Amino acid sequence: QVRLVESGGGLVQSGGSLSLSCAASGSRLLLDSISWYRQAPGKQQEMVAERLAGGATTFADFVKGRFVISTQKKNAYTMQMNNLQPEDTAVYYCKGRLLGRTYWGQGTRVTVSS
């Protein structure tokens, strides 16, 4: 059973940086993709970024070059978020895809104060 565990997040002032990590356990295979989604209070969940197994990465328009996804080892990823703004405040979830199945992390809260 694949399990995604998230870490990171927290409280930061506007213009600051945070990193979110997502590590998958329970699979010898490389995830087909890793994505981050976020859900702000009172809003629908939206995709932030997606990285495919080959390394190709797509970011939502609102990221505007502020976020970077890196991988430290197989199935361990970090999303570095820079120049954070109050509108980035949300719960962030990582999502992994493997062989047609989807797995979610537990979510981690990011709060950006103005």
N, C-alpha and C. Protein backbone atom coordinates (compact mmCIF):
# COMPACT_ATOMS: atom_id res chain seq x y z
N GLN A 1 0.84 -1.18 0.00
CA GLN A 1 0.00 0.00 0.00
C GLN A 1 0.89 1.24 0.00
N VAL A 2 0.68 2.11 -0.99
CA VAL A 2 1.46 3.34 -1.07
C VAL A 2 0.91 4.35 -0.06
N ARG A 3 1.83 5.01 0.60
CA ARG A 3 1.45 6.02 1.58
C ARG A 3 2.29 7.26 1.34
N LEU A 4 1.62 8.41 1.33
CA LEU A 4 2.31 9.68 1.15
C LEU A 4 2.32 10.42 2.48
N VAL A 5 3.49 10.87 2.88
CA VAL A 5 3.62 11.63 4.13
C VAL A 5 4.18 13.00 3.80
N GLU A 6 3.48 14.02 4.24
CA GLU A 6 3.89 15.38 3.99
C GLU A 6 4.53 16.00 5.23
N SER A 7 5.41 16.94 4.97
CA SER A 7 5.99 17.71 6.06
C SER A 7 6.29 19.11 5.54
N GLY A 8 6.57 19.99 6.47
CA GLY A 8 6.86 21.36 6.09
C GLY A 8 5.65 22.25 6.32
N GLY A 9 5.63 23.37 5.66
CA GLY A 9 4.56 24.33 5.85
C GLY A 9 4.79 25.15 7.10
N GLY A 10 3.77 25.88 7.51
CA GLY A 10 3.87 26.71 8.70
C GLY A 10 3.43 28.12 8.43
N LEU A 11 3.94 29.03 9.24
CA LEU A 11 3.57 30.45 9.16
C LEU A 11 4.77 31.26 8.68
N VAL A 12 4.52 32.15 7.75
CA VAL A 12 5.60 32.98 7.20
C VAL A 12 5.02 34.35 6.86
N GLN A 13 5.86 35.35 6.87
CA GLN A 13 5.41 36.68 6.47
C GLN A 13 5.40 36.80 4.95
N SER A 14 4.63 37.74 4.48
CA SER A 14 4.56 38.01 3.04
C SER A 14 5.96 38.25 2.48
N GLY A 15 6.26 37.58 1.37
CA GLY A 15 7.57 37.67 0.75
C GLY A 15 8.54 36.60 1.21
N GLY A 16 8.14 35.84 2.20
CA GLY A 16 9.00 34.79 2.73
C GLY A 16 8.93 33.50 1.95
N SER A 17 9.63 32.49 2.46
CA SER A 17 9.72 31.20 1.77
C SER A 17 9.41 30.06 2.72
N LEU A 18 8.88 29.02 2.16
CA LEU A 18 8.64 27.76 2.87
C LEU A 18 8.88 26.62 1.91
N SER A 19 9.15 25.45 2.48
CA SER A 19 9.25 24.27 1.63
C SER A 19 8.31 23.20 2.15
N LEU A 20 7.74 22.47 1.23
CA LEU A 20 6.88 21.34 1.53
C LEU A 20 7.52 20.08 0.99
N SER A 21 7.51 19.04 1.79
CA SER A 21 8.07 17.77 1.35
C SER A 21 6.97 16.71 1.30
N CYS A 22 7.16 15.78 0.39
CA CYS A 22 6.21 14.69 0.23
C CYS A 22 7.01 13.43 -0.07
N ALA A 23 6.88 12.44 0.77
CA ALA A 23 7.62 11.20 0.60
C ALA A 23 6.64 10.04 0.50
N ALA A 24 6.87 9.20 -0.49
CA ALA A 24 6.01 8.04 -0.69
C ALA A 24 6.71 6.78 -0.21
N SER A 25 6.01 5.98 0.53
CA SER A 25 6.54 4.70 0.97
C SER A 25 5.62 3.59 0.48
N GLY A 26 6.13 2.37 0.48
CA GLY A 26 5.31 1.23 0.10
C GLY A 26 5.36 0.87 -1.36
N SER A 27 6.26 1.49 -2.12
CA SER A 27 6.36 1.15 -3.54
C SER A 27 7.82 1.07 -3.95
N ARG A 28 8.17 0.03 -4.68
CA ARG A 28 9.50 -0.06 -5.25
C ARG A 28 9.57 0.69 -6.58
N LEU A 29 8.41 1.01 -7.13
CA LEU A 29 8.35 1.69 -8.40
C LEU A 29 8.36 3.20 -8.19
N LEU A 30 8.89 3.91 -9.17
CA LEU A 30 8.86 5.36 -9.15
C LEU A 30 7.44 5.81 -9.46
N LEU A 31 6.95 6.76 -8.69
CA LEU A 31 5.61 7.28 -8.96
C LEU A 31 5.53 7.81 -10.38
N ASP A 32 4.40 7.62 -11.01
CA ASP A 32 4.19 8.15 -12.36
C ASP A 32 4.16 9.67 -12.34
N SER A 33 3.66 10.23 -11.28
CA SER A 33 3.63 11.68 -11.14
C SER A 33 3.43 12.05 -9.68
N ILE A 34 3.85 13.25 -9.35
CA ILE A 34 3.61 13.83 -8.03
C ILE A 34 3.04 15.22 -8.28
N SER A 35 2.00 15.56 -7.53
CA SER A 35 1.36 16.85 -7.70
C SER A 35 1.11 17.47 -6.33
N TRP A 36 0.99 18.76 -6.35
CA TRP A 36 0.53 19.46 -5.16
C TRP A 36 -0.77 20.21 -5.50
N TYR A 37 -1.70 20.11 -4.60
CA TYR A 37 -2.95 20.84 -4.69
C TYR A 37 -3.07 21.68 -3.43
N ARG A 38 -3.93 22.67 -3.51
CA ARG A 38 -4.18 23.46 -2.31
C ARG A 38 -5.66 23.82 -2.22
N GLN A 39 -6.08 24.04 -0.99
CA GLN A 39 -7.45 24.46 -0.76
C GLN A 39 -7.44 25.56 0.29
N ALA A 40 -7.83 26.73 -0.15
CA ALA A 40 -7.93 27.88 0.75
C ALA A 40 -9.30 27.87 1.41
N PRO A 41 -9.43 28.51 2.56
CA PRO A 41 -10.72 28.55 3.25
C PRO A 41 -11.82 29.10 2.35
N GLY A 42 -12.89 28.35 2.24
CA GLY A 42 -14.03 28.79 1.45
C GLY A 42 -13.87 28.68 -0.05
N LYS A 43 -12.78 28.07 -0.49
CA LYS A 43 -12.53 27.96 -1.92
C LYS A 43 -12.39 26.50 -2.32
N GLN A 44 -12.50 26.26 -3.63
CA GLN A 44 -12.33 24.91 -4.14
C GLN A 44 -10.85 24.55 -4.21
N GLN A 45 -10.61 23.29 -4.19
CA GLN A 45 -9.25 22.80 -4.32
C GLN A 45 -8.72 23.12 -5.71
N GLU A 46 -7.45 23.51 -5.80
CA GLU A 46 -6.86 23.82 -7.10
C GLU A 46 -5.47 23.22 -7.18
N MET A 47 -5.07 22.89 -8.40
CA MET A 47 -3.76 22.31 -8.60
C MET A 47 -2.71 23.40 -8.57
N VAL A 48 -1.60 23.10 -7.93
CA VAL A 48 -0.48 24.03 -7.84
C VAL A 48 0.60 23.65 -8.84
N ALA A 49 0.95 22.37 -8.85
CA ALA A 49 2.05 21.92 -9.71
C ALA A 49 1.96 20.42 -9.90
N GLU A 50 2.51 19.97 -11.00
CA GLU A 50 2.59 18.54 -11.27
C GLU A 50 3.94 18.23 -11.89
N ARG A 51 4.58 17.20 -11.35
CA ARG A 51 5.86 16.74 -11.90
C ARG A 51 5.70 15.30 -12.34
N LEU A 52 6.02 15.03 -13.59
CA LEU A 52 5.95 13.68 -14.12
C LEU A 52 7.23 12.91 -13.81
N ALA A 53 7.17 11.61 -13.95
CA ALA A 53 8.32 10.78 -13.61
C ALA A 53 9.56 11.17 -14.39
N GLY A 54 9.38 11.62 -15.62
CA GLY A 54 10.53 12.01 -16.43
C GLY A 54 11.11 13.36 -16.06
N GLY A 55 10.45 14.08 -15.17
CA GLY A 55 10.95 15.36 -14.70
C GLY A 55 10.19 16.56 -15.23
N ALA A 56 9.39 16.37 -16.26
CA ALA A 56 8.63 17.50 -16.79
C ALA A 56 7.68 18.01 -15.72
N THR A 57 7.67 19.32 -15.53
CA THR A 57 6.89 19.94 -14.46
C THR A 57 5.99 21.04 -15.01
N THR A 58 4.78 21.08 -14.53
CA THR A 58 3.83 22.11 -14.91
C THR A 58 3.38 22.84 -13.65
N PHE A 59 3.30 24.15 -13.75
CA PHE A 59 2.84 24.96 -12.63
C PHE A 59 1.59 25.73 -13.01
N ALA A 60 0.75 25.98 -12.03
CA ALA A 60 -0.41 26.82 -12.25
C ALA A 60 0.05 28.24 -12.56
N ASP A 61 -0.79 28.96 -13.27
CA ASP A 61 -0.42 30.33 -13.66
C ASP A 61 -0.11 31.21 -12.45
N PHE A 62 -0.80 30.99 -11.36
CA PHE A 62 -0.61 31.88 -10.21
C PHE A 62 0.75 31.68 -9.54
N VAL A 63 1.45 30.61 -9.89
CA VAL A 63 2.78 30.38 -9.30
C VAL A 63 3.78 31.41 -9.83
N LYS A 64 3.71 31.70 -11.10
CA LYS A 64 4.52 32.77 -11.72
C LYS A 64 6.00 32.65 -11.38
N GLY A 65 6.55 31.44 -11.48
CA GLY A 65 7.99 31.25 -11.29
C GLY A 65 8.45 31.26 -9.85
N ARG A 66 7.55 31.26 -8.90
CA ARG A 66 7.95 31.36 -7.50
C ARG A 66 8.26 30.01 -6.85
N PHE A 67 7.76 28.93 -7.41
CA PHE A 67 7.89 27.60 -6.80
C PHE A 67 8.79 26.72 -7.65
N VAL A 68 9.50 25.82 -6.97
CA VAL A 68 10.35 24.85 -7.65
C VAL A 68 10.16 23.49 -6.99
N ILE A 69 10.07 22.45 -7.81
CA ILE A 69 9.97 21.09 -7.28
C ILE A 69 11.29 20.38 -7.54
N SER A 70 11.81 19.74 -6.51
CA SER A 70 13.04 18.96 -6.65
C SER A 70 12.81 17.59 -6.03
N THR A 71 13.70 16.67 -6.37
CA THR A 71 13.61 15.34 -5.80
C THR A 71 14.95 14.97 -5.17
N GLN A 72 14.87 14.39 -3.99
CA GLN A 72 16.08 14.08 -3.25
C GLN A 72 16.48 12.61 -3.44
N LYS A 73 15.53 11.79 -3.60
CA LYS A 73 15.74 10.36 -3.85
C LYS A 73 14.44 9.83 -4.40
N LYS A 74 14.43 8.59 -4.78
CA LYS A 74 13.24 8.04 -5.40
C LYS A 74 12.03 8.25 -4.51
N ASN A 75 10.99 8.83 -5.08
CA ASN A 75 9.71 9.04 -4.42
C ASN A 75 9.77 9.98 -3.21
N ALA A 76 10.73 10.89 -3.21
CA ALA A 76 10.80 11.93 -2.18
C ALA A 76 10.97 13.27 -2.89
N TYR A 77 10.04 14.16 -2.65
CA TYR A 77 10.00 15.42 -3.38
C TYR A 77 9.86 16.59 -2.42
N THR A 78 10.37 17.73 -2.89
CA THR A 78 10.22 18.96 -2.14
C THR A 78 9.75 20.07 -3.07
N MET A 79 8.80 20.83 -2.61
CA MET A 79 8.37 22.02 -3.36
C MET A 79 8.81 23.24 -2.56
N GLN A 80 9.77 23.96 -3.13
CA GLN A 80 10.25 25.19 -2.50
C GLN A 80 9.37 26.33 -2.98
N MET A 81 8.82 27.07 -2.04
CA MET A 81 7.90 28.16 -2.37
C MET A 81 8.52 29.47 -1.91
N ASN A 82 8.74 30.35 -2.85
CA ASN A 82 9.37 31.64 -2.57
C ASN A 82 8.41 32.79 -2.81
N ASN A 83 8.73 33.92 -2.22
CA ASN A 83 7.91 35.12 -2.40
C ASN A 83 6.43 34.81 -2.13
N LEU A 84 6.18 34.18 -1.02
CA LEU A 84 4.81 33.81 -0.69
C LEU A 84 3.97 35.04 -0.37
N GLN A 85 2.72 34.97 -0.74
CA GLN A 85 1.79 36.07 -0.55
C GLN A 85 0.59 35.59 0.27
N PRO A 86 -0.13 36.49 0.89
CA PRO A 86 -1.29 36.07 1.70
C PRO A 86 -2.27 35.19 0.94
N GLU A 87 -2.39 35.40 -0.36
CA GLU A 87 -3.31 34.57 -1.15
C GLU A 87 -2.82 33.14 -1.33
N ASP A 88 -1.60 32.87 -0.92
CA ASP A 88 -1.08 31.49 -0.96
C ASP A 88 -1.49 30.71 0.29
N THR A 89 -2.12 31.37 1.22
CA THR A 89 -2.58 30.70 2.44
C THR A 89 -3.58 29.61 2.09
N ALA A 90 -3.29 28.40 2.52
CA ALA A 90 -4.15 27.25 2.19
C ALA A 90 -3.60 26.01 2.86
N VAL A 91 -4.36 24.94 2.79
CA VAL A 91 -3.85 23.62 3.12
C VAL A 91 -3.36 23.00 1.82
N TYR A 92 -2.14 22.54 1.83
CA TYR A 92 -1.51 21.97 0.64
C TYR A 92 -1.47 20.45 0.76
N TYR A 93 -1.86 19.80 -0.31
CA TYR A 93 -1.90 18.33 -0.34
C TYR A 93 -1.02 17.83 -1.48
N CYS A 94 -0.24 16.80 -1.22
CA CYS A 94 0.47 16.17 -2.34
C CYS A 94 -0.34 14.96 -2.80
N LYS A 95 -0.24 14.71 -4.07
CA LYS A 95 -0.96 13.61 -4.69
C LYS A 95 0.00 12.82 -5.55
N GLY A 96 0.03 11.52 -5.36
CA GLY A 96 0.87 10.66 -6.16
C GLY A 96 0.03 9.75 -7.03
N ARG A 97 0.51 9.49 -8.24
CA ARG A 97 -0.17 8.58 -9.14
C ARG A 97 0.78 7.44 -9.47
N LEU A 98 0.25 6.21 -9.41
CA LEU A 98 1.06 5.04 -9.72
C LEU A 98 0.16 3.97 -10.28
N LEU A 99 0.46 3.55 -11.51
CA LEU A 99 -0.27 2.47 -12.17
C LEU A 99 -1.79 2.69 -12.12
N GLY A 100 -2.20 3.89 -12.37
CA GLY A 100 -3.61 4.20 -12.46
C GLY A 100 -4.30 4.46 -11.13
N ARG A 101 -3.57 4.40 -10.07
CA ARG A 101 -4.17 4.66 -8.76
C ARG A 101 -3.65 5.98 -8.20
N THR A 102 -4.47 6.59 -7.37
CA THR A 102 -4.16 7.89 -6.81
C THR A 102 -4.02 7.80 -5.29
N TYR A 103 -3.02 8.47 -4.79
CA TYR A 103 -2.76 8.48 -3.35
C TYR A 103 -2.57 9.93 -2.89
N TRP A 104 -3.10 10.23 -1.72
CA TRP A 104 -3.03 11.59 -1.18
C TRP A 104 -2.27 11.63 0.14
N GLY A 105 -1.54 12.73 0.31
CA GLY A 105 -0.95 12.99 1.60
C GLY A 105 -1.98 13.55 2.56
N GLN A 106 -1.56 13.76 3.79
CA GLN A 106 -2.50 14.18 4.83
C GLN A 106 -2.77 15.67 4.80
N GLY A 107 -1.99 16.41 4.06
CA GLY A 107 -2.17 17.86 3.99
C GLY A 107 -1.30 18.57 5.01
N THR A 108 -0.85 19.75 4.64
CA THR A 108 -0.08 20.58 5.55
C THR A 108 -0.49 22.04 5.34
N ARG A 109 -0.57 22.77 6.42
CA ARG A 109 -1.10 24.13 6.35
C ARG A 109 0.02 25.13 6.11
N VAL A 110 -0.26 26.05 5.21
CA VAL A 110 0.63 27.18 4.93
C VAL A 110 -0.16 28.45 5.21
N THR A 111 0.38 29.29 6.06
CA THR A 111 -0.25 30.56 6.38
C THR A 111 0.74 31.68 6.12
N VAL A 112 0.31 32.64 5.31
CA VAL A 112 1.16 33.77 4.96
C VAL A 112 0.51 35.04 5.51
N SER A 113 1.22 35.71 6.39
CA SER A 113 0.68 36.93 6.99
C SER A 113 1.14 38.15 6.20
N SER A 114 0.29 39.15 6.18
CA SER A 114 0.62 40.37 5.41
C SER A 114 1.38 41.37 6.26
